[in-house]
Amino acid sequence: MSPDQAECWIVDLIRNAELDAKIDSEHNCVVMRGTSQSIYEQVMERTRDLNMRSATLAQNLQTVLNEARKEKEKKERAALEEE
């Protein structure tokens, strides 16, 4: 692969992957910048995760409570039948 072909391939890769990078022709290297989330984005992501975990926890708690109620009813019926 020629240097020109390699450069075109790298440019296409950067564009298609939507990377924050540039080609430094002087030093023959690709300079990539790190992407960091803003504080707002971090808070929103963590809040979204927290909402999902809270909903899952509430659903699991409801399931456990329903199972406990059923078990209690079974014990009460068994006690009434023994009498």
PDB file of N, CA and C in Angstrom:
ATOM      1  N   MET A   1       0.858  -1.170   0.000  1.00  0.00           N
ATOM      2  CA  MET A   1       0.000   0.000   0.000  1.00  0.00           C
ATOM      3  C   MET A   1       0.899   1.225   0.000  1.00  0.00           C
ATOM      4  N   SER A   2       0.612   2.121  -0.901  1.00  0.00           N
ATOM      5  CA  SER A   2       1.416   3.341  -0.991  1.00  0.00           C
ATOM      6  C   SER A   2       1.039   4.294   0.142  1.00  0.00           C
ATOM      7  N   PRO A   3       1.927   5.241   0.435  1.00  0.00           N
ATOM      8  CA  PRO A   3       1.605   6.222   1.492  1.00  0.00           C
ATOM      9  C   PRO A   3       0.320   7.006   1.210  1.00  0.00           C
ATOM     10  N   ASP A   4       0.076   7.338  -0.067  1.00  0.00           N
ATOM     11  CA  ASP A   4      -1.151   8.070  -0.404  1.00  0.00           C
ATOM     12  C   ASP A   4      -2.387   7.209  -0.164  1.00  0.00           C
ATOM     13  N   GLN A   5      -2.307   5.931  -0.541  1.00  0.00           N
ATOM     14  CA  GLN A   5      -3.429   5.022  -0.310  1.00  0.00           C
ATOM     15  C   GLN A   5      -3.669   4.836   1.192  1.00  0.00           C
ATOM     16  N   ALA A   6      -2.572   4.720   1.940  1.00  0.00           N
ATOM     17  CA  ALA A   6      -2.691   4.554   3.385  1.00  0.00           C
ATOM     18  C   ALA A   6      -3.344   5.782   4.010  1.00  0.00           C
ATOM     19  N   GLU A   7      -2.958   6.955   3.541  1.00  0.00           N
ATOM     20  CA  GLU A   7      -3.537   8.188   4.075  1.00  0.00           C
ATOM     21  C   GLU A   7      -5.032   8.257   3.763  1.00  0.00           C
ATOM     22  N   CYS A   8      -5.422   7.894   2.545  1.00  0.00           N
ATOM     23  CA  CYS A   8      -6.848   7.887   2.181  1.00  0.00           C
ATOM     24  C   CYS A   8      -7.619   6.885   3.030  1.00  0.00           C
ATOM     25  N   TRP A   9      -7.003   5.741   3.265  1.00  0.00           N
ATOM     26  CA  TRP A   9      -7.657   4.709   4.072  1.00  0.00           C
ATOM     27  C   TRP A   9      -7.865   5.213   5.502  1.00  0.00           C
ATOM     28  N   ILE A  10      -6.848   5.874   6.052  1.00  0.00           N
ATOM     29  CA  ILE A  10      -6.942   6.405   7.421  1.00  0.00           C
ATOM     30  C   ILE A  10      -7.984   7.517   7.491  1.00  0.00           C
ATOM     31  N   VAL A  11      -8.017   8.391   6.492  1.00  0.00           N
ATOM     32  CA  VAL A  11      -9.009   9.470   6.462  1.00  0.00           C
ATOM     33  C   VAL A  11     -10.413   8.879   6.442  1.00  0.00           C
ATOM     34  N   ASP A  12     -10.622   7.867   5.598  1.00  0.00           N
ATOM     35  CA  ASP A  12     -11.943   7.218   5.545  1.00  0.00           C
ATOM     36  C   ASP A  12     -12.296   6.577   6.885  1.00  0.00           C
ATOM     37  N   LEU A  13     -11.317   5.943   7.503  1.00  0.00           N
ATOM     38  CA  LEU A  13     -11.542   5.316   8.805  1.00  0.00           C
ATOM     39  C   LEU A  13     -11.958   6.347   9.839  1.00  0.00           C
ATOM     40  N   ILE A  14     -11.267   7.480   9.866  1.00  0.00           N
ATOM     41  CA  ILE A  14     -11.587   8.550  10.821  1.00  0.00           C
ATOM     42  C   ILE A  14     -12.991   9.083  10.560  1.00  0.00           C
ATOM     43  N   ARG A  15     -13.333   9.288   9.302  1.00  0.00           N
ATOM     44  CA  ARG A  15     -14.668   9.813   8.969  1.00  0.00           C
ATOM     45  C   ARG A  15     -15.764   8.823   9.315  1.00  0.00           C
ATOM     46  N   ASN A  16     -15.581   7.567   8.917  1.00  0.00           N
ATOM     47  CA  ASN A  16     -16.620   6.560   9.129  1.00  0.00           C
ATOM     48  C   ASN A  16     -16.834   6.251  10.602  1.00  0.00           C
ATOM     49  N   ALA A  17     -15.781   6.285  11.380  1.00  0.00           N
ATOM     50  CA  ALA A  17     -15.892   5.992  12.807  1.00  0.00           C
ATOM     51  C   ALA A  17     -16.227   7.239  13.609  1.00  0.00           C
ATOM     52  N   GLU A  18     -16.300   8.387  12.927  1.00  0.00           N
ATOM     53  CA  GLU A  18     -16.587   9.665  13.574  1.00  0.00           C
ATOM     54  C   GLU A  18     -15.652   9.922  14.759  1.00  0.00           C
ATOM     55  N   LEU A  19     -14.369   9.688  14.497  1.00  0.00           N
ATOM     56  CA  LEU A  19     -13.365   9.898  15.531  1.00  0.00           C
ATOM     57  C   LEU A  19     -12.935  11.359  15.562  1.00  0.00           C
ATOM     58  N   ASP A  20     -12.507  11.799  16.720  1.00  0.00           N
ATOM     59  CA  ASP A  20     -11.965  13.137  16.866  1.00  0.00           C
ATOM     60  C   ASP A  20     -10.456  12.998  16.677  1.00  0.00           C
ATOM     61  N   ALA A  21     -10.024  13.039  15.413  1.00  0.00           N
ATOM     62  CA  ALA A  21      -8.610  12.816  15.107  1.00  0.00           C
ATOM     63  C   ALA A  21      -8.218  13.650  13.897  1.00  0.00           C
ATOM     64  N   LYS A  22      -6.910  13.818  13.768  1.00  0.00           N
ATOM     65  CA  LYS A  22      -6.386  14.497  12.585  1.00  0.00           C
ATOM     66  C   LYS A  22      -5.057  13.854  12.215  1.00  0.00           C
ATOM     67  N   ILE A  23      -4.672  14.053  10.973  1.00  0.00           N
ATOM     68  CA  ILE A  23      -3.422  13.490  10.472  1.00  0.00           C
ATOM     69  C   ILE A  23      -2.357  14.571  10.529  1.00  0.00           C
ATOM     70  N   ASP A  24      -1.256  14.259  11.186  1.00  0.00           N
ATOM     71  CA  ASP A  24      -0.119  15.167  11.258  1.00  0.00           C
ATOM     72  C   ASP A  24       0.863  14.725  10.172  1.00  0.00           C
ATOM     73  N   SER A  25       0.838  15.429   9.030  1.00  0.00           N
ATOM     74  CA  SER A  25       1.672  15.049   7.892  1.00  0.00           C
ATOM     75  C   SER A  25       3.149  15.284   8.161  1.00  0.00           C
ATOM     76  N   GLU A  26       3.466  16.273   8.964  1.00  0.00           N
ATOM     77  CA  GLU A  26       4.874  16.557   9.281  1.00  0.00           C
ATOM     78  C   GLU A  26       5.528  15.387   9.995  1.00  0.00           C
ATOM     79  N   HIS A  27       4.809  14.832  10.986  1.00  0.00           N
ATOM     80  CA  HIS A  27       5.370  13.760  11.805  1.00  0.00           C
ATOM     81  C   HIS A  27       4.901  12.370  11.367  1.00  0.00           C
ATOM     82  N   ASN A  28       4.102  12.315  10.299  1.00  0.00           N
ATOM     83  CA  ASN A  28       3.566  11.051   9.782  1.00  0.00           C
ATOM     84  C   ASN A  28       2.864  10.240  10.871  1.00  0.00           C
ATOM     85  N   CYS A  29       1.925  10.881  11.537  1.00  0.00           N
ATOM     86  CA  CYS A  29       1.182  10.176  12.567  1.00  0.00           C
ATOM     87  C   CYS A  29      -0.258  10.700  12.642  1.00  0.00           C
ATOM     88  N   VAL A  30      -1.082   9.947  13.311  1.00  0.00           N
ATOM     89  CA  VAL A  30      -2.466  10.337  13.521  1.00  0.00           C
ATOM     90  C   VAL A  30      -2.593  10.808  14.967  1.00  0.00           C
ATOM     91  N   VAL A  31      -3.152  11.988  15.150  1.00  0.00           N
ATOM     92  CA  VAL A  31      -3.331  12.548  16.485  1.00  0.00           C
ATOM     93  C   VAL A  31      -4.802  12.399  16.846  1.00  0.00           C
ATOM     94  N   MET A  32      -5.054  11.646  17.899  1.00  0.00           N
ATOM     95  CA  MET A  32      -6.433  11.434  18.342  1.00  0.00           C
ATOM     96  C   MET A  32      -6.638  12.148  19.658  1.00  0.00           C
ATOM     97  N   ARG A  33      -7.759  12.812  19.749  1.00  0.00           N
ATOM     98  CA  ARG A  33      -8.099  13.509  20.992  1.00  0.00           C
ATOM     99  C   ARG A  33      -9.075  12.649  21.770  1.00  0.00           C
ATOM    100  N   GLY A  34      -8.891  12.596  23.059  1.00  0.00           N
ATOM    101  CA  GLY A  34      -9.816  11.846  23.907  1.00  0.00           C
ATOM    102  C   GLY A  34     -11.148  12.564  24.008  1.00  0.00           C
ATOM    103  N   THR A  35     -12.208  11.778  24.027  1.00  0.00           N
ATOM    104  CA  THR A  35     -13.521  12.382  24.188  1.00  0.00           C
ATOM    105  C   THR A  35     -13.945  12.207  25.636  1.00  0.00           C
ATOM    106  N   SER A  36     -14.302  13.300  26.234  1.00  0.00           N
ATOM    107  CA  SER A  36     -14.764  13.234  27.615  1.00  0.00           C
ATOM    108  C   SER A  36     -16.193  13.758  27.675  1.00  0.00           C
ATOM    109  N   GLN A  37     -16.968  13.139  28.512  1.00  0.00           N
ATOM    110  CA  GLN A  37     -18.351  13.559  28.671  1.00  0.00           C
ATOM    111  C   GLN A  37     -18.397  14.799  29.556  1.00  0.00           C
ATOM    112  N   SER A  38     -19.326  15.654  29.231  1.00  0.00           N
ATOM    113  CA  SER A  38     -19.524  16.819  30.083  1.00  0.00           C
ATOM    114  C   SER A  38     -20.152  16.344  31.396  1.00  0.00           C
ATOM    115  N   ILE A  39     -20.076  17.163  32.390  1.00  0.00           N
ATOM    116  CA  ILE A  39     -20.667  16.832  33.683  1.00  0.00           C
ATOM    117  C   ILE A  39     -22.157  16.564  33.515  1.00  0.00           C
ATOM    118  N   TYR A  40     -22.819  17.365  32.696  1.00  0.00           N
ATOM    119  CA  TYR A  40     -24.249  17.187  32.455  1.00  0.00           C
ATOM    120  C   TYR A  40     -24.525  15.793  31.883  1.00  0.00           C
ATOM    121  N   GLU A  41     -23.729  15.376  30.885  1.00  0.00           N
ATOM    122  CA  GLU A  41     -23.916  14.054  30.282  1.00  0.00           C
ATOM    123  C   GLU A  41     -23.674  12.941  31.307  1.00  0.00           C
ATOM    124  N   GLN A  42     -22.672  13.113  32.155  1.00  0.00           N
ATOM    125  CA  GLN A  42     -22.375  12.106  33.179  1.00  0.00           C
ATOM    126  C   GLN A  42     -23.538  11.978  34.159  1.00  0.00           C
ATOM    127  N   VAL A  43     -24.072  13.120  34.597  1.00  0.00           N
ATOM    128  CA  VAL A  43     -25.196  13.100  35.531  1.00  0.00           C
ATOM    129  C   VAL A  43     -26.408  12.448  34.890  1.00  0.00           C
ATOM    130  N   MET A  44     -26.693  12.777  33.643  1.00  0.00           N
ATOM    131  CA  MET A  44     -27.837  12.202  32.947  1.00  0.00           C
ATOM    132  C   MET A  44     -27.691  10.689  32.797  1.00  0.00           C
ATOM    133  N   GLU A  45     -26.499  10.224  32.463  1.00  0.00           N
ATOM    134  CA  GLU A  45     -26.276   8.787  32.300  1.00  0.00           C
ATOM    135  C   GLU A  45     -26.443   8.052  33.622  1.00  0.00           C
ATOM    136  N   ARG A  46     -25.880   8.602  34.669  1.00  0.00           N
ATOM    137  CA  ARG A  46     -25.999   7.950  35.975  1.00  0.00           C
ATOM    138  C   ARG A  46     -27.434   7.984  36.487  1.00  0.00           C
ATOM    139  N   THR A  47     -28.144   9.072  36.217  1.00  0.00           N
ATOM    140  CA  THR A  47     -29.539   9.163  36.627  1.00  0.00           C
ATOM    141  C   THR A  47     -30.379   8.141  35.875  1.00  0.00           C
ATOM    142  N   ARG A  48     -30.118   7.976  34.588  1.00  0.00           N
ATOM    143  CA  ARG A  48     -30.834   6.999  33.785  1.00  0.00           C
ATOM    144  C   ARG A  48     -30.591   5.596  34.356  1.00  0.00           C
ATOM    145  N   ASP A  49     -29.343   5.300  34.679  1.00  0.00           N
ATOM    146  CA  ASP A  49     -29.017   4.006  35.271  1.00  0.00           C
ATOM    147  C   ASP A  49     -29.710   3.835  36.624  1.00  0.00           C
ATOM    148  N   LEU A  50     -29.732   4.886  37.418  1.00  0.00           N
ATOM    149  CA  LEU A  50     -30.354   4.831  38.736  1.00  0.00           C
ATOM    150  C   LEU A  50     -31.843   4.563  38.610  1.00  0.00           C
ATOM    151  N   ASN A  51     -32.499   5.200  37.661  1.00  0.00           N
ATOM    152  CA  ASN A  51     -33.928   4.965  37.450  1.00  0.00           C
ATOM    153  C   ASN A  51     -34.196   3.512  37.085  1.00  0.00           C
ATOM    154  N   MET A  52     -33.383   2.951  36.208  1.00  0.00           N
ATOM    155  CA  MET A  52     -33.574   1.575  35.785  1.00  0.00           C
ATOM    156  C   MET A  52     -33.339   0.617  36.956  1.00  0.00           C
ATOM    157  N   ARG A  53     -32.293   0.857  37.725  1.00  0.00           N
ATOM    158  CA  ARG A  53     -32.010  -0.016  38.871  1.00  0.00           C
ATOM    159  C   ARG A  53     -33.099   0.091  39.930  1.00  0.00           C
ATOM    160  N   SER A  54     -33.623   1.298  40.143  1.00  0.00           N
ATOM    161  CA  SER A  54     -34.703   1.476  41.119  1.00  0.00           C
ATOM    162  C   SER A  54     -35.966   0.748  40.689  1.00  0.00           C
ATOM    163  N   ALA A  55     -36.288   0.821  39.400  1.00  0.00           N
ATOM    164  CA  ALA A  55     -37.468   0.120  38.889  1.00  0.00           C
ATOM    165  C   ALA A  55     -37.301  -1.385  39.030  1.00  0.00           C
ATOM    166  N   THR A  56     -36.120  -1.897  38.744  1.00  0.00           N
ATOM    167  CA  THR A  56     -35.850  -3.332  38.894  1.00  0.00           C
ATOM    168  C   THR A  56     -35.955  -3.747  40.350  1.00  0.00           C
ATOM    169  N   LEU A  57     -35.411  -2.933  41.240  1.00  0.00           N
ATOM    170  CA  LEU A  57     -35.480  -3.223  42.665  1.00  0.00           C
ATOM    171  C   LEU A  57     -36.928  -3.247  43.138  1.00  0.00           C
ATOM    172  N   ALA A  58     -37.728  -2.291  42.711  1.00  0.00           N
ATOM    173  CA  ALA A  58     -39.147  -2.246  43.101  1.00  0.00           C
ATOM    174  C   ALA A  58     -39.888  -3.470  42.584  1.00  0.00           C
ATOM    175  N   GLN A  59     -39.603  -3.881  41.367  1.00  0.00           N
ATOM    176  CA  GLN A  59     -40.251  -5.061  40.794  1.00  0.00           C
ATOM    177  C   GLN A  59     -39.856  -6.325  41.562  1.00  0.00           C
ATOM    178  N   ASN A  60     -38.570  -6.445  41.880  1.00  0.00           N
ATOM    179  CA  ASN A  60     -38.112  -7.603  42.647  1.00  0.00           C
ATOM    180  C   ASN A  60     -38.727  -7.632  44.044  1.00  0.00           C
ATOM    181  N   LEU A  61     -38.840  -6.484  44.667  1.00  0.00           N
ATOM    182  CA  LEU A  61     -39.443  -6.400  45.990  1.00  0.00           C
ATOM    183  C   LEU A  61     -40.915  -6.808  45.929  1.00  0.00           C
ATOM    184  N   GLN A  62     -41.622  -6.358  44.910  1.00  0.00           N
ATOM    185  CA  GLN A  62     -43.028  -6.733  44.743  1.00  0.00           C
ATOM    186  C   GLN A  62     -43.167  -8.243  44.570  1.00  0.00           C
ATOM    187  N   THR A  63     -42.279  -8.851  43.809  1.00  0.00           N
ATOM    188  CA  THR A  63     -42.309 -10.303  43.603  1.00  0.00           C
ATOM    189  C   THR A  63     -42.084 -11.039  44.915  1.00  0.00           C
ATOM    190  N   VAL A  64     -41.116 -10.595  45.698  1.00  0.00           N
ATOM    191  CA  VAL A  64     -40.828 -11.235  46.985  1.00  0.00           C
ATOM    192  C   VAL A  64     -42.018 -11.084  47.928  1.00  0.00           C
ATOM    193  N   LEU A  65     -42.628  -9.911  47.960  1.00  0.00           N
ATOM    194  CA  LEU A  65     -43.798  -9.690  48.825  1.00  0.00           C
ATOM    195  C   LEU A  65     -44.960 -10.586  48.413  1.00  0.00           C
ATOM    196  N   ASN A  66     -45.199 -10.714  47.114  1.00  0.00           N
ATOM    197  CA  ASN A  66     -46.275 -11.590  46.643  1.00  0.00           C
ATOM    198  C   ASN A  66     -46.018 -13.042  47.019  1.00  0.00           C
ATOM    199  N   GLU A  67     -44.785 -13.493  46.885  1.00  0.00           N
ATOM    200  CA  GLU A  67     -44.443 -14.867  47.262  1.00  0.00           C
ATOM    201  C   GLU A  67     -44.615 -15.078  48.762  1.00  0.00           C
ATOM    202  N   ALA A  68     -44.230 -14.084  49.566  1.00  0.00           N
ATOM    203  CA  ALA A  68     -44.384 -14.189  51.018  1.00  0.00           C
ATOM    204  C   ALA A  68     -45.858 -14.252  51.401  1.00  0.00           C
ATOM    205  N   ARG A  69     -46.693 -13.458  50.736  1.00  0.00           N
ATOM    206  CA  ARG A  69     -48.138 -13.491  51.009  1.00  0.00           C
ATOM    207  C   ARG A  69     -48.732 -14.852  50.663  1.00  0.00           C
ATOM    208  N   LYS A  70     -48.339 -15.397  49.532  1.00  0.00           N
ATOM    209  CA  LYS A  70     -48.838 -16.707  49.126  1.00  0.00           C
ATOM    210  C   LYS A  70     -48.420 -17.784  50.129  1.00  0.00           C
ATOM    211  N   GLU A  71     -47.183 -17.712  50.559  1.00  0.00           N
ATOM    212  CA  GLU A  71     -46.679 -18.684  51.528  1.00  0.00           C
ATOM    213  C   GLU A  71     -47.440 -18.560  52.852  1.00  0.00           C
ATOM    214  N   LYS A  72     -47.708 -17.335  53.281  1.00  0.00           N
ATOM    215  CA  LYS A  72     -48.453 -17.106  54.519  1.00  0.00           C
ATOM    216  C   LYS A  72     -49.873 -17.665  54.403  1.00  0.00           C
ATOM    217  N   GLU A  73     -50.507 -17.431  53.240  1.00  0.00           N
ATOM    218  CA  GLU A  73     -51.856 -17.961  53.024  1.00  0.00           C
ATOM    219  C   GLU A  73     -51.867 -19.489  53.049  1.00  0.00           C
ATOM    220  N   LYS A  74     -50.849 -20.105  52.462  1.00  0.00           N
ATOM    221  CA  LYS A  74     -50.759 -21.573  52.477  1.00  0.00           C
ATOM    222  C   LYS A  74     -50.642 -22.094  53.907  1.00  0.00           C
ATOM    223  N   LYS A  75     -49.825 -21.427  54.710  1.00  0.00           N
ATOM    224  CA  LYS A  75     -49.651 -21.855  56.102  1.00  0.00           C
ATOM    225  C   LYS A  75     -50.952 -21.687  56.880  1.00  0.00           C
ATOM    226  N   GLU A  76     -51.656 -20.576  56.626  1.00  0.00           N
ATOM    227  CA  GLU A  76     -52.924 -20.339  57.320  1.00  0.00           C
ATOM    228  C   GLU A  76     -53.959 -21.397  56.930  1.00  0.00           C
ATOM    229  N   ARG A  77     -54.009 -21.741  55.641  1.00  0.00           N
ATOM    230  CA  ARG A  77     -54.958 -22.773  55.195  1.00  0.00           C
ATOM    231  C   ARG A  77     -54.609 -24.134  55.804  1.00  0.00           C
ATOM    232  N   ALA A  78     -53.310 -24.422  55.836  1.00  0.00           N
ATOM    233  CA  ALA A  78     -52.878 -25.705  56.422  1.00  0.00           C
ATOM    234  C   ALA A  78     -53.229 -25.759  57.900  1.00  0.00           C
ATOM    235  N   ALA A  79     -53.085 -24.634  58.603  1.00  0.00           N
ATOM    236  CA  ALA A  79     -53.414 -24.598  60.030  1.00  0.00           C
ATOM    237  C   ALA A  79     -54.920 -24.777  60.235  1.00  0.00           C
ATOM    238  N   LEU A  80     -55.740 -24.175  59.383  1.00  0.00           N
ATOM    239  CA  LEU A  80     -57.208 -24.307  59.488  1.00  0.00           C
ATOM    240  C   LEU A  80     -57.645 -25.730  59.182  1.00  0.00           C
ATOM    241  N   GLU A  81     -56.998 -26.378  58.231  1.00  0.00           N
ATOM    242  CA  GLU A  81     -57.355 -27.745  57.880  1.00  0.00           C
ATOM    243  C   GLU A  81     -56.975 -28.728  58.985  1.00  0.00           C
ATOM    244  N   GLU A  82     -55.936 -28.434  59.731  1.00  0.00           N
ATOM    245  CA  GLU A  82     -55.508 -29.315  60.814  1.00  0.00           C
ATOM    246  C   GLU A  82     -56.486 -29.236  61.985  1.00  0.00           C
ATOM    247  N   GLU A  83     -57.133 -28.121  62.140  1.00  0.00           N
ATOM    248  CA  GLU A  83     -58.063 -27.950  63.268  1.00  0.00           C
ATOM    249  C   GLU A  83     -59.316 -28.663  63.089  1.00  0.00           C
TER     250      GLU A  83
END
